[in-house]
Protein backbone atom coordinates (compact mmCIF):
# COMPACT_ATOMS: atom_id res chain seq x y z
CA MET A 1 -46.00 -29.59 46.51
CA LYS A 2 -44.48 -26.40 48.08
CA PRO A 3 -41.03 -26.43 49.72
CA ALA A 4 -41.02 -26.58 53.52
CA GLU A 5 -39.59 -23.03 53.73
CA GLU A 6 -42.57 -21.59 51.85
CA GLU A 7 -45.02 -23.51 53.98
CA ALA A 8 -43.35 -22.10 57.11
CA GLY A 9 -43.47 -18.54 55.68
CA VAL A 10 -39.73 -18.34 55.21
CA PRO A 11 -38.65 -16.90 51.79
CA PRO A 12 -36.41 -19.13 49.66
CA ALA A 13 -32.66 -18.56 50.06
CA ARG A 14 -31.14 -16.19 47.38
CA LEU A 15 -27.90 -17.03 45.60
CA GLN A 16 -25.20 -14.88 47.21
CA THR A 17 -21.92 -13.73 45.68
CA GLY A 18 -19.47 -16.61 45.95
CA ASP A 19 -22.15 -19.31 46.17
CA GLU A 20 -21.85 -22.20 43.73
CA PRO A 21 -24.49 -22.09 40.97
CA PRO A 22 -27.08 -24.84 41.02
CA SER A 23 -25.93 -28.02 39.31
CA GLU A 24 -28.97 -28.05 37.07
CA ALA A 25 -27.90 -24.72 35.39
CA PRO A 26 -24.37 -25.30 33.97
CA ASP A 27 -22.49 -22.53 32.18
CA PRO A 28 -23.31 -22.41 28.47
CA LYS A 29 -20.62 -23.73 26.16
CA PRO A 30 -18.66 -21.01 24.34
CA THR A 31 -19.79 -20.43 20.77
CA MET A 32 -17.45 -20.28 17.78
CA VAL A 33 -17.63 -16.47 17.89
CA ASP A 34 -16.64 -16.45 21.57
CA ALA A 35 -13.70 -18.74 20.82
CA ILE A 36 -12.00 -16.31 18.42
CA VAL A 37 -12.44 -13.14 20.48
CA ASP A 38 -9.15 -12.27 22.15
CA ALA A 39 -9.36 -11.88 25.91
CA SER A 40 -8.66 -8.72 27.89
CA GLU A 41 -8.74 -6.36 24.92
CA PRO A 42 -9.41 -2.64 25.42
CA ALA A 43 -13.00 -1.48 25.13
CA GLY A 44 -13.98 -0.73 21.54
CA THR A 45 -11.44 -3.08 19.96
CA GLU A 46 -14.04 -5.08 18.03
CA GLN A 47 -15.57 -1.89 16.66
CA ALA A 48 -12.12 -0.60 15.66
CA ARG A 49 -11.23 -3.90 13.99
CA GLU A 50 -14.16 -3.44 11.61
CA HIS A 51 -12.33 -0.48 10.06
CA TRP A 52 -8.72 -1.71 10.02
CA LEU A 53 -7.34 -1.93 6.47
CA THR A 54 -10.72 -1.44 4.76
CA GLU A 55 -10.88 0.63 1.57
CA VAL A 56 -10.86 4.41 1.92
CA GLY A 57 -13.26 4.93 -0.96
CA GLU A 58 -13.18 8.18 -2.92
CA ILE A 59 -9.79 9.89 -2.49
CA ARG A 60 -11.37 13.34 -2.67
CA GLY A 61 -13.24 12.49 0.51
CA TRP A 62 -9.86 12.75 2.26
CA PHE A 63 -8.17 15.38 0.07
CA ALA A 64 -10.90 17.81 -0.95
CA HIS A 65 -8.72 20.04 -3.14
CA GLU A 66 -5.68 18.98 -5.12
CA ALA A 67 -3.63 22.18 -4.79
CA THR A 68 -4.45 23.11 -1.20
CA ASN A 69 -4.79 19.64 0.38
CA PHE A 70 -3.12 16.94 -1.67
CA THR A 71 -0.02 18.69 -3.04
CA PRO A 72 1.13 19.91 0.42
CA TRP A 73 0.67 16.36 1.75
CA VAL A 74 2.83 14.97 -1.09
CA ALA A 75 5.48 17.61 -0.37
CA LYS A 76 5.59 16.49 3.27
CA ASN A 77 5.74 12.81 2.32
CA LEU A 78 8.49 12.75 -0.28
CA PHE A 79 10.02 9.77 1.53
CA ARG A 80 6.96 7.76 0.48
CA VAL A 81 7.38 8.92 -3.12
CA ARG A 82 11.05 7.96 -3.01
CA ASP A 83 10.29 4.46 -1.67
CA ALA A 84 7.58 3.78 -4.27
CA ALA A 85 9.67 5.15 -7.15
CA ARG A 86 12.77 3.29 -5.91
CA ILE A 87 14.95 6.40 -6.02
CA GLU A 88 18.37 5.74 -4.52
CA HIS A 89 18.91 8.98 -2.59
CA PRO A 90 16.47 11.11 -0.56
CA LEU A 91 14.25 13.69 -2.25
CA GLU A 92 14.75 17.29 -1.11
CA LEU A 93 11.86 19.69 -1.64
CA ILE A 94 12.53 22.79 -3.74
CA GLY A 95 8.95 24.07 -3.78
CA THR A 96 5.33 23.51 -4.77
CA GLU A 97 3.35 25.09 -7.62
CA GLN A 98 6.60 26.02 -9.35
CA ARG A 99 6.47 27.86 -12.70
CA ILE A 100 8.37 26.01 -15.45
CA ALA A 101 8.10 26.74 -19.19
CA GLY A 102 4.76 28.48 -18.81
CA TYR A 103 3.28 25.71 -16.63
CA ARG A 104 2.91 25.16 -12.91
CA ILE A 105 4.39 21.86 -11.74
CA ASP A 106 2.84 20.61 -8.50
CA VAL A 107 6.06 19.58 -6.73
CA LEU A 108 9.66 20.29 -7.66
CA ALA A 109 12.34 18.40 -5.75
CA LYS A 110 15.92 17.30 -6.25
CA THR A 111 18.03 14.21 -5.61
CA LEU A 112 21.55 12.95 -6.16
CA VAL A 113 22.23 10.95 -9.32
CA ASP A 114 25.81 9.79 -9.90
CA GLY A 115 27.03 12.41 -7.44
CA GLN A 116 25.21 15.27 -9.19
CA SER A 117 22.11 17.12 -7.95
CA ARG A 118 19.25 16.60 -10.44
CA PRO A 119 15.70 17.99 -10.46
CA VAL A 120 12.69 15.73 -9.89
CA VAL A 121 9.28 16.88 -11.16
CA ILE A 122 6.05 15.53 -9.65
CA GLU A 123 2.60 16.06 -11.17
CA ASN A 124 -0.54 15.18 -9.18
CA GLN A 125 -3.98 14.31 -10.50
CA LEU A 126 -6.94 13.20 -8.37
CA GLU A 127 -8.96 11.94 -11.29
CA ARG A 128 -8.33 9.75 -14.34
CA SER A 129 -5.19 10.62 -16.29
CA ASP A 130 -5.51 13.06 -19.18
CA ALA A 131 -3.32 14.47 -21.95
CA ASP A 132 -3.03 17.89 -20.30
CA HIS A 133 -1.24 16.54 -17.22
CA LEU A 134 0.92 14.22 -19.34
CA GLY A 135 2.03 17.08 -21.60
CA ARG A 136 2.79 19.27 -18.60
CA LEU A 137 4.92 16.54 -17.02
CA ILE A 138 6.92 15.91 -20.22
CA THR A 139 7.47 19.63 -20.89
CA CYS A 140 8.59 20.44 -17.35
CA ALA A 141 10.86 17.39 -17.18
CA ALA A 142 12.57 18.35 -20.43
CA GLU A 143 12.89 22.02 -19.46
CA VAL A 144 14.74 21.36 -16.18
CA GLU A 145 16.50 18.19 -17.42
CA ALA A 146 14.93 16.14 -14.64
CA SER A 147 16.30 12.77 -13.60
CA HIS A 148 12.81 11.58 -12.62
CA ALA A 149 9.32 12.61 -13.76
CA ILE A 150 6.64 11.22 -11.45
CA TRP A 151 2.92 11.27 -12.20
CA ILE A 152 0.72 10.56 -9.17
CA GLY A 153 -2.92 9.72 -9.89
CA VAL A 154 -5.87 7.52 -9.02
CA ASP A 155 -6.41 5.84 -12.40
CA PHE A 156 -4.29 5.72 -15.58
CA ARG A 157 -5.38 5.19 -19.15
CA ASP A 158 -3.51 2.44 -21.01
CA ASP A 159 -2.25 4.79 -23.72
CA HIS A 160 -0.76 7.12 -21.10
CA LEU A 161 1.03 4.23 -19.41
CA LYS A 162 2.45 3.17 -22.79
CA VAL A 163 3.78 6.69 -23.37
CA MET A 164 5.39 6.72 -19.92
CA GLU A 165 7.12 3.41 -20.60
CA ALA A 166 8.30 4.49 -24.06
CA LEU A 167 9.73 7.74 -22.65
CA ARG A 168 11.67 5.79 -20.04
CA HIS A 169 13.75 4.24 -22.82
CA SER A 170 14.14 7.35 -25.00
CA MET A 171 15.11 10.13 -22.58
CA ASP A 172 17.69 10.62 -19.84
CA CYS A 173 14.81 10.64 -17.35
CA ARG A 174 12.81 7.96 -15.59
CA PHE A 175 9.07 8.48 -16.12
CA ILE A 176 7.21 6.82 -13.25
CA PRO A 177 3.43 6.54 -12.79
CA LEU A 178 2.27 6.04 -9.19
CA VAL A 179 -1.19 5.40 -7.78
CA ILE A 180 -2.27 6.94 -4.47
CA ASP A 181 -3.60 4.11 -2.33
CA GLY A 182 -5.02 4.20 1.20
CA ALA A 183 -6.36 1.97 3.94
CA ARG A 184 -8.31 2.91 7.05
CA LEU A 185 -6.70 2.79 10.47
CA SER A 186 -9.96 3.80 12.20
CA ASP A 187 -13.32 5.22 11.21
CA LYS A 188 -11.78 8.69 10.76
CA THR A 189 -8.10 8.10 9.97
CA ALA A 190 -6.27 6.41 7.10
CA LEU A 191 -2.72 5.68 5.99
CA PHE A 192 -1.90 6.64 2.39
CA GLN A 193 0.97 5.33 0.30
CA PHE A 194 1.96 5.03 -3.35
CA THR A 195 2.08 1.95 -5.53
CA SER A 196 2.44 1.05 -9.19
CA PRO A 197 -0.71 1.11 -11.36
CA PRO A 198 -2.03 -2.02 -13.05
CA THR A 199 -0.10 -2.57 -16.26
CA PHE A 200 -1.51 -1.99 -19.72
CA SER A 201 -2.53 -4.97 -21.79
CA THR A 202 0.14 -6.64 -23.98
CA PRO A 203 -1.50 -9.65 -25.70
CA THR A 204 1.71 -10.39 -27.63
CA ASP A 205 3.80 -10.64 -24.45
CA PRO A 206 1.99 -12.66 -21.77
CA MET A 207 5.17 -13.03 -19.70
CA ARG A 208 5.37 -9.24 -19.28
CA GLU A 209 1.75 -9.13 -18.11
CA LYS A 210 2.35 -11.96 -15.65
CA LEU A 211 5.48 -10.34 -14.22
CA HIS A 212 3.67 -7.00 -13.85
CA ALA A 213 0.88 -8.81 -12.01
CA CYS A 214 3.48 -10.35 -9.68
CA LEU A 215 5.06 -6.94 -9.16
CA ARG A 216 1.73 -5.35 -8.31
CA SER A 217 0.88 -8.16 -5.89
CA ALA A 218 4.30 -7.97 -4.20
CA ARG A 219 4.02 -4.22 -3.70
CA ASP A 220 0.46 -4.52 -2.40
CA ASN A 221 1.59 -7.20 0.06
CA ALA A 222 4.50 -5.09 1.28
CA ILE A 223 2.23 -2.09 1.81
CA SER A 224 -0.38 -4.18 3.65
CA VAL A 225 2.28 -5.59 5.98
CA GLN A 226 3.59 -2.06 6.69
CA ARG A 227 0.07 -0.90 7.51
CA LEU A 228 -0.56 -3.89 9.75
CA ALA A 229 2.72 -3.20 11.58
CA HIS A 230 1.55 0.39 12.10
CA ILE A 231 -1.71 -0.85 13.64
CA VAL A 232 0.04 -3.39 15.89
CA ARG A 233 2.50 -0.77 17.16
CA ASN A 234 -0.30 1.64 17.99
CA HIS A 235 -2.51 -0.91 19.77
CA PRO A 236 -0.23 -2.60 22.34
CA GLY A 237 -3.17 -3.79 24.43
CA VAL A 238 -4.71 -5.81 21.59
CA ALA A 239 -3.88 -9.49 21.12
CA PHE A 240 -3.22 -10.10 17.41
CA THR A 241 -2.50 -13.81 17.89
CA ARG A 242 -5.38 -14.80 15.62
CA TYR A 243 -3.38 -13.45 12.65
CA ARG A 244 0.00 -14.95 13.49
CA ALA A 245 -0.35 -18.16 11.42
CA ILE A 246 -1.34 -16.18 8.32
CA ILE A 247 1.60 -13.83 8.76
CA GLU A 248 4.00 -16.76 9.18
CA GLU A 249 2.77 -18.29 5.91
CA LEU A 250 3.08 -14.92 4.18
CA GLY A 251 6.70 -14.78 5.34
CA TYR A 252 7.32 -18.25 3.91
CA TRP A 253 6.07 -17.32 0.44
CA SER A 254 7.92 -13.99 0.57
CA TYR A 255 11.14 -15.89 1.34
CA LEU A 256 10.60 -18.22 -1.64
CA THR A 257 9.90 -15.23 -3.88
CA ASP A 258 13.10 -13.49 -2.77
CA SER A 259 15.16 -16.63 -3.39
CA GLY A 260 13.64 -17.14 -6.83
CA VAL A 261 14.22 -13.51 -7.84
CA ASP A 262 17.88 -13.70 -6.77
CA GLU A 263 18.36 -16.82 -8.90
CA LEU A 264 16.69 -15.16 -11.92
CA LEU A 265 18.82 -12.03 -11.66
CA GLU A 266 21.99 -14.12 -11.61
CA GLN A 267 21.01 -15.61 -14.98
CA ILE A 268 19.72 -12.45 -16.74
CA ALA A 269 22.16 -9.84 -18.04
CA GLU A 270 21.69 -6.23 -16.94
CA GLU A 271 22.21 -4.88 -20.46
CA ARG A 272 20.70 -6.26 -23.64
CA PRO A 273 23.47 -8.08 -25.54
CA THR A 274 24.58 -6.60 -28.87
CA GLY A 275 25.78 -8.30 -32.01
CA PRO A 276 24.37 -11.26 -33.93
CA ALA A 277 22.01 -13.56 -32.10
CA VAL A 278 23.54 -16.83 -30.96
CA THR A 279 21.37 -19.90 -31.18
CA PRO A 280 22.25 -22.34 -28.39
CA SER A 281 23.28 -25.73 -29.68
CA ARG A 282 21.23 -28.72 -28.72
CA PRO A 283 22.91 -31.58 -26.91
CA GLU A 284 23.66 -34.64 -29.01
């Protein structure tokens, strides 16, 4: 049966702006996806979020040539090298591609050590570590009597890491391997920093392996938080509330880690004790 308006030749009334929708067509309930999307975010936020903190992939896709692209970037970011290597005083650039003992060292800098200015040599390698770069680093460090010899790479062989650790205890120079690590901030930009490489295997000392794993995890966490802070600062119109609970829990575990480390350091001597070993007596 047709409505009276149609029978009289009058077209049905159209829904005008401001009219209430018909009761038989309620608004659809929000889906789970709708529920987690933050309101009033700038256009393109969801597309940008797909790139935030994802892997950068091949490093050479960002630094095409080691000498002309990567080394100048390292020279401009010595503060990042200093932070990762835990050097007490700032690094001051002396020059790049410096000739030392018949070699060219990628970056030569200096820093204060016990009130004296000491050279710092930095060797870069955008592929797996090899003996040529290791030999160059050792030779240049010895020639200038460097306080720090830093090897920046993307992947280190276990035997090279063992040499670096052995040299740390046999020379008046800290030999430090660092890995270049990056995370995307957008589809075309990334933030690069340095971190410690995964440790070499030591089956006879599982505690060392476990502590190195903790160290690597702690440094990765610190770098991720720094990168997230960079993103938050540069996107003031985005609501990051969905991540707040995770960040709060991260802070809780970081606090427990800091407290535990402080307690351990109070009980462990800075220098290895000398003299005959003392066996602690057992209580009666």
